[in-house]
Amino acid sequence: MIIVAVLLLPVLGLMLYALDRVEDLLSGGPSAPRSSRRRHLRLVGGGDGGTERRPTGPPGRHVDAA
């Protein structure tokens, strides 16, 4: 029984692949290319409109260093 199951696995895999290809052929292709601009994500800017400035220390030293 295990031998039958092992022999049927490749056959079932090929059948699923063939049916997928047939379904793609029957459904046709996309009629027109989709525009990506409709779903374009916009970045939300900061409230003050400026860039965030970090405090600076003496040259050669990092402020965040422990």
Protein backbone atom coordinates (compact mmCIF):
# COMPACT_ATOMS: atom_id res chain seq x y z
CA MET A 1 0.00 0.00 0.00
CA ILE A 2 2.88 2.35 0.77
CA ILE A 3 4.44 1.50 -2.59
CA VAL A 4 1.23 2.52 -4.38
CA ALA A 5 1.12 5.81 -2.48
CA VAL A 6 4.76 6.57 -3.27
CA LEU A 7 4.20 5.81 -6.95
CA LEU A 8 1.10 8.00 -7.11
CA LEU A 9 2.76 11.10 -5.60
CA PRO A 10 4.70 12.12 -8.75
CA VAL A 11 1.63 11.46 -10.91
CA LEU A 12 -0.52 13.68 -8.69
CA GLY A 13 2.14 16.39 -8.69
CA LEU A 14 2.32 16.40 -12.49
CA MET A 15 -1.46 16.45 -12.73
CA LEU A 16 -1.72 19.44 -10.39
CA TYR A 17 0.94 21.28 -12.40
CA ALA A 18 -0.81 20.52 -15.69
CA LEU A 19 -4.19 21.64 -14.36
CA ASP A 20 -2.65 24.87 -13.10
CA ARG A 21 -1.18 25.60 -16.54
CA VAL A 22 -4.50 24.77 -18.25
CA GLU A 23 -6.36 27.07 -15.86
CA ASP A 24 -3.94 29.91 -16.66
CA LEU A 25 -4.45 29.38 -20.39
CA LEU A 26 -8.25 29.27 -20.13
CA SER A 27 -8.57 32.32 -17.91
CA GLY A 28 -6.67 34.49 -20.38
CA GLY A 29 -4.12 37.12 -19.54
CA PRO A 30 -4.56 40.45 -17.88
CA SER A 31 -6.35 42.81 -20.24
CA ALA A 32 -4.43 45.96 -19.32
CA PRO A 33 -1.39 46.62 -17.15
CA ARG A 34 -2.23 47.81 -13.69
CA SER A 35 -1.17 51.24 -12.66
CA SER A 36 0.93 51.33 -9.53
CA ARG A 37 0.22 54.99 -8.84
CA ARG A 38 -3.17 54.31 -7.32
CA ARG A 39 -1.68 52.21 -4.56
CA HIS A 40 1.44 54.28 -4.03
CA LEU A 41 2.16 54.81 -0.35
CA ARG A 42 2.94 58.31 0.81
CA LEU A 43 5.39 59.04 3.56
CA VAL A 44 4.06 61.04 6.47
CA GLY A 45 6.25 64.05 7.14
CA GLY A 46 7.16 65.46 10.53
CA GLY A 47 5.06 68.11 12.23
CA ASP A 48 7.60 70.94 12.12
CA GLY A 49 8.69 70.44 8.52
CA GLY A 50 12.37 70.55 9.46
CA THR A 51 14.94 67.89 10.03
CA GLU A 52 15.58 66.50 13.45
CA ARG A 53 18.85 67.75 14.90
CA ARG A 54 20.86 65.81 17.41
CA PRO A 55 23.03 67.49 20.00
CA THR A 56 26.68 67.53 19.10
CA GLY A 57 29.61 67.33 21.44
CA PRO A 58 33.26 68.15 21.05
CA PRO A 59 34.84 66.95 17.79
CA GLY A 60 35.96 63.33 17.85
CA ARG A 61 33.58 62.29 20.65
CA HIS A 62 30.17 60.72 20.28
CA VAL A 63 27.34 62.08 22.41
CA ASP A 64 25.75 58.63 22.63
CA ALA A 65 28.94 56.93 23.81
CA ALA A 66 28.83 55.47 27.31
